[in-house]
Amino acid sequence: MKIPEGKIKWASRRGMRELDLMLLPFVEHDIKDLSEQELEDYMDLLNATDLQLVRWFNGVEQADSEKRRRMVALIVQKHSQRIGREGV
């Protein structure tokens, strides 16, 4: 199942600055490297509420499934690699 890029970007825009700073650069720079299964897992992750995502990304709580925990860990890792770089 190929998910249109526009749909991915739209779904990733959460309107909460903390989330947009994590998700939008991930979509812009890293989404192209995901397998089809990882892409489906990412879209599943976006079904979580903003509050859940913030808590998961901040490490306050663990995501509610293994696939979501893996995706959160990947996004956090990619984000930490970008910190301090121009354009992020």
N, C-alpha and C. Protein backbone atom coordinates (compact mmCIF):
# COMPACT_ATOMS: atom_id res chain seq x y z
N MET A 1 0.85 -1.19 0.00
CA MET A 1 0.00 0.00 0.00
C MET A 1 0.89 1.24 0.00
N LYS A 2 0.84 1.99 -1.06
CA LYS A 2 1.62 3.21 -1.16
C LYS A 2 0.78 4.38 -0.67
N ILE A 3 1.28 5.08 0.33
CA ILE A 3 0.56 6.21 0.91
C ILE A 3 1.08 7.48 0.24
N PRO A 4 0.19 8.30 -0.31
CA PRO A 4 0.62 9.53 -0.98
C PRO A 4 1.41 10.45 -0.04
N GLU A 5 2.48 11.03 -0.58
CA GLU A 5 3.36 11.90 0.21
C GLU A 5 2.59 13.06 0.84
N GLY A 6 1.68 13.64 0.09
CA GLY A 6 0.90 14.76 0.62
C GLY A 6 0.07 14.37 1.83
N LYS A 7 -0.48 13.16 1.80
CA LYS A 7 -1.27 12.67 2.93
C LYS A 7 -0.38 12.48 4.16
N ILE A 8 0.83 11.98 3.95
CA ILE A 8 1.77 11.78 5.06
C ILE A 8 2.14 13.12 5.69
N LYS A 9 2.47 14.10 4.84
CA LYS A 9 2.84 15.42 5.38
C LYS A 9 1.67 16.06 6.11
N TRP A 10 0.48 15.97 5.54
CA TRP A 10 -0.69 16.58 6.17
C TRP A 10 -0.98 15.94 7.52
N ALA A 11 -0.90 14.61 7.58
CA ALA A 11 -1.18 13.89 8.82
C ALA A 11 -0.11 14.18 9.88
N SER A 12 1.09 14.54 9.43
CA SER A 12 2.20 14.80 10.36
C SER A 12 2.15 16.19 10.96
N ARG A 13 1.41 17.09 10.36
CA ARG A 13 1.27 18.45 10.89
C ARG A 13 0.26 18.41 12.03
N ARG A 14 0.76 18.58 13.23
CA ARG A 14 -0.10 18.43 14.39
C ARG A 14 -0.55 19.77 14.97
N GLY A 15 0.16 20.84 14.69
CA GLY A 15 -0.20 22.14 15.23
C GLY A 15 0.36 22.38 16.62
N MET A 16 1.03 21.41 17.17
CA MET A 16 1.71 21.57 18.45
C MET A 16 3.20 21.65 18.13
N ARG A 17 3.81 22.75 18.50
CA ARG A 17 5.20 23.01 18.11
C ARG A 17 6.14 21.84 18.43
N GLU A 18 6.02 21.28 19.60
CA GLU A 18 6.91 20.19 20.01
C GLU A 18 6.81 19.00 19.05
N LEU A 19 5.59 18.71 18.63
CA LEU A 19 5.39 17.59 17.71
C LEU A 19 5.83 17.93 16.30
N ASP A 20 5.50 19.13 15.86
CA ASP A 20 5.91 19.53 14.51
C ASP A 20 7.43 19.54 14.36
N LEU A 21 8.14 19.90 15.43
CA LEU A 21 9.61 19.90 15.37
C LEU A 21 10.19 18.49 15.28
N MET A 22 9.44 17.51 15.73
CA MET A 22 9.88 16.11 15.64
C MET A 22 9.43 15.48 14.33
N LEU A 23 8.16 15.67 13.99
CA LEU A 23 7.57 14.92 12.89
C LEU A 23 7.86 15.49 11.51
N LEU A 24 7.79 16.81 11.35
CA LEU A 24 7.94 17.37 10.01
C LEU A 24 9.34 17.16 9.44
N PRO A 25 10.42 17.37 10.21
CA PRO A 25 11.75 17.05 9.66
C PRO A 25 11.90 15.54 9.38
N PHE A 26 11.28 14.71 10.19
CA PHE A 26 11.33 13.26 9.95
C PHE A 26 10.70 12.95 8.59
N VAL A 27 9.56 13.54 8.31
CA VAL A 27 8.90 13.31 7.02
C VAL A 27 9.74 13.88 5.89
N GLU A 28 10.27 15.06 6.08
CA GLU A 28 11.05 15.71 5.02
C GLU A 28 12.35 14.95 4.70
N HIS A 29 13.03 14.45 5.73
CA HIS A 29 14.37 13.89 5.53
C HIS A 29 14.44 12.37 5.58
N ASP A 30 13.57 11.73 6.32
CA ASP A 30 13.77 10.31 6.63
C ASP A 30 12.70 9.36 6.10
N ILE A 31 11.54 9.87 5.79
CA ILE A 31 10.43 9.00 5.41
C ILE A 31 10.76 8.17 4.17
N LYS A 32 11.57 8.72 3.29
CA LYS A 32 11.91 8.03 2.05
C LYS A 32 12.71 6.75 2.30
N ASP A 33 13.34 6.64 3.45
CA ASP A 33 14.16 5.47 3.78
C ASP A 33 13.39 4.36 4.48
N LEU A 34 12.11 4.59 4.75
CA LEU A 34 11.32 3.59 5.46
C LEU A 34 10.84 2.49 4.52
N SER A 35 10.75 1.29 5.06
CA SER A 35 10.13 0.19 4.32
C SER A 35 8.62 0.44 4.28
N GLU A 36 7.93 -0.34 3.48
CA GLU A 36 6.47 -0.19 3.41
C GLU A 36 5.84 -0.47 4.77
N GLN A 37 6.34 -1.48 5.48
CA GLN A 37 5.81 -1.80 6.81
C GLN A 37 6.08 -0.67 7.80
N GLU A 38 7.28 -0.10 7.76
CA GLU A 38 7.60 1.02 8.64
C GLU A 38 6.73 2.23 8.33
N LEU A 39 6.45 2.44 7.06
CA LEU A 39 5.58 3.55 6.67
C LEU A 39 4.17 3.33 7.22
N GLU A 40 3.69 2.11 7.15
CA GLU A 40 2.38 1.81 7.74
C GLU A 40 2.42 2.00 9.26
N ASP A 41 3.53 1.60 9.88
CA ASP A 41 3.67 1.79 11.33
C ASP A 41 3.70 3.28 11.68
N TYR A 42 4.34 4.09 10.83
CA TYR A 42 4.37 5.54 11.06
C TYR A 42 2.95 6.10 10.98
N MET A 43 2.20 5.71 9.96
CA MET A 43 0.84 6.20 9.83
C MET A 43 -0.02 5.75 11.01
N ASP A 44 0.22 4.55 11.51
CA ASP A 44 -0.48 4.08 12.70
C ASP A 44 -0.13 4.96 13.90
N LEU A 45 1.14 5.30 14.03
CA LEU A 45 1.59 6.16 15.13
C LEU A 45 0.82 7.48 15.13
N LEU A 46 0.55 8.00 13.94
CA LEU A 46 -0.14 9.28 13.83
C LEU A 46 -1.60 9.21 14.29
N ASN A 47 -2.12 8.02 14.52
CA ASN A 47 -3.47 7.88 15.06
C ASN A 47 -3.52 8.16 16.56
N ALA A 48 -2.36 8.22 17.18
CA ALA A 48 -2.31 8.54 18.62
C ALA A 48 -2.66 10.02 18.81
N THR A 49 -3.06 10.35 20.02
CA THR A 49 -3.38 11.75 20.32
C THR A 49 -2.09 12.55 20.46
N ASP A 50 -2.21 13.85 20.35
CA ASP A 50 -1.04 14.72 20.52
C ASP A 50 -0.42 14.53 21.91
N LEU A 51 -1.25 14.43 22.92
CA LEU A 51 -0.75 14.25 24.28
C LEU A 51 0.03 12.94 24.42
N GLN A 52 -0.49 11.88 23.82
CA GLN A 52 0.24 10.61 23.85
C GLN A 52 1.59 10.76 23.17
N LEU A 53 1.61 11.36 21.99
CA LEU A 53 2.86 11.52 21.24
C LEU A 53 3.89 12.32 22.02
N VAL A 54 3.45 13.41 22.62
CA VAL A 54 4.38 14.23 23.41
C VAL A 54 4.96 13.41 24.55
N ARG A 55 4.13 12.69 25.24
CA ARG A 55 4.61 11.87 26.37
C ARG A 55 5.56 10.78 25.89
N TRP A 56 5.26 10.18 24.75
CA TRP A 56 6.14 9.13 24.23
C TRP A 56 7.48 9.71 23.77
N PHE A 57 7.44 10.82 23.05
CA PHE A 57 8.68 11.42 22.56
C PHE A 57 9.54 11.95 23.70
N ASN A 58 8.91 12.42 24.76
CA ASN A 58 9.66 12.94 25.91
C ASN A 58 10.09 11.84 26.88
N GLY A 59 9.64 10.61 26.64
CA GLY A 59 10.02 9.49 27.49
C GLY A 59 9.27 9.42 28.81
N VAL A 60 8.20 10.19 28.94
CA VAL A 60 7.40 10.18 30.15
C VAL A 60 6.60 8.88 30.25
N GLU A 61 6.16 8.39 29.10
CA GLU A 61 5.43 7.13 29.00
C GLU A 61 5.97 6.35 27.82
N GLN A 62 5.71 5.05 27.82
CA GLN A 62 6.05 4.22 26.67
C GLN A 62 4.84 4.09 25.77
N ALA A 63 5.09 4.02 24.47
CA ALA A 63 4.00 3.83 23.52
C ALA A 63 3.28 2.51 23.82
N ASP A 64 2.05 2.43 23.37
CA ASP A 64 1.17 1.33 23.75
C ASP A 64 1.31 0.06 22.91
N SER A 65 2.27 0.01 22.00
CA SER A 65 2.53 -1.22 21.25
C SER A 65 4.00 -1.25 20.85
N GLU A 66 4.48 -2.43 20.55
CA GLU A 66 5.88 -2.58 20.17
C GLU A 66 6.20 -1.82 18.89
N LYS A 67 5.33 -1.89 17.90
CA LYS A 67 5.61 -1.18 16.65
C LYS A 67 5.64 0.33 16.86
N ARG A 68 4.79 0.83 17.74
CA ARG A 68 4.81 2.27 18.04
C ARG A 68 6.06 2.63 18.84
N ARG A 69 6.49 1.76 19.75
CA ARG A 69 7.73 2.03 20.50
C ARG A 69 8.93 2.08 19.56
N ARG A 70 8.97 1.17 18.58
CA ARG A 70 10.07 1.19 17.60
C ARG A 70 10.05 2.47 16.78
N MET A 71 8.88 2.89 16.35
CA MET A 71 8.77 4.09 15.52
C MET A 71 9.13 5.34 16.33
N VAL A 72 8.68 5.42 17.58
CA VAL A 72 9.04 6.55 18.45
C VAL A 72 10.55 6.59 18.62
N ALA A 73 11.16 5.44 18.87
CA ALA A 73 12.62 5.39 19.05
C ALA A 73 13.34 5.85 17.79
N LEU A 74 12.85 5.46 16.62
CA LEU A 74 13.47 5.88 15.36
C LEU A 74 13.36 7.38 15.17
N ILE A 75 12.19 7.94 15.42
CA ILE A 75 11.98 9.39 15.25
C ILE A 75 12.85 10.17 16.23
N VAL A 76 12.90 9.73 17.47
CA VAL A 76 13.73 10.40 18.48
C VAL A 76 15.21 10.33 18.07
N GLN A 77 15.64 9.17 17.59
CA GLN A 77 17.04 9.02 17.15
C GLN A 77 17.35 9.96 16.00
N LYS A 78 16.51 10.00 14.98
CA LYS A 78 16.73 10.88 13.83
C LYS A 78 16.72 12.34 14.27
N HIS A 79 15.81 12.67 15.17
CA HIS A 79 15.74 14.06 15.67
C HIS A 79 17.03 14.44 16.39
N SER A 80 17.52 13.55 17.23
CA SER A 80 18.74 13.86 17.99
C SER A 80 19.95 14.01 17.07
N GLN A 81 19.95 13.34 15.94
CA GLN A 81 21.04 13.47 14.98
C GLN A 81 21.00 14.81 14.25
N ARG A 82 19.82 15.43 14.21
CA ARG A 82 19.66 16.71 13.52
C ARG A 82 19.86 17.92 14.41
N ILE A 83 19.81 17.76 15.72
CA ILE A 83 19.89 18.90 16.63
C ILE A 83 21.16 19.70 16.36
N GLY A 84 20.99 21.00 16.20
CA GLY A 84 22.11 21.90 15.96
C GLY A 84 22.50 22.09 14.51
N ARG A 85 21.87 21.30 13.62
CA ARG A 85 22.17 21.46 12.20
C ARG A 85 21.27 22.51 11.59
N GLU A 86 21.78 23.21 10.59
CA GLU A 86 21.02 24.25 9.92
C GLU A 86 19.76 23.68 9.27
N GLY A 87 18.71 24.48 9.25
CA GLY A 87 17.49 24.13 8.55
C GLY A 87 16.59 23.14 9.26
N VAL A 88 16.87 22.89 10.54
CA VAL A 88 16.03 21.94 11.27
C VAL A 88 15.35 22.66 12.41
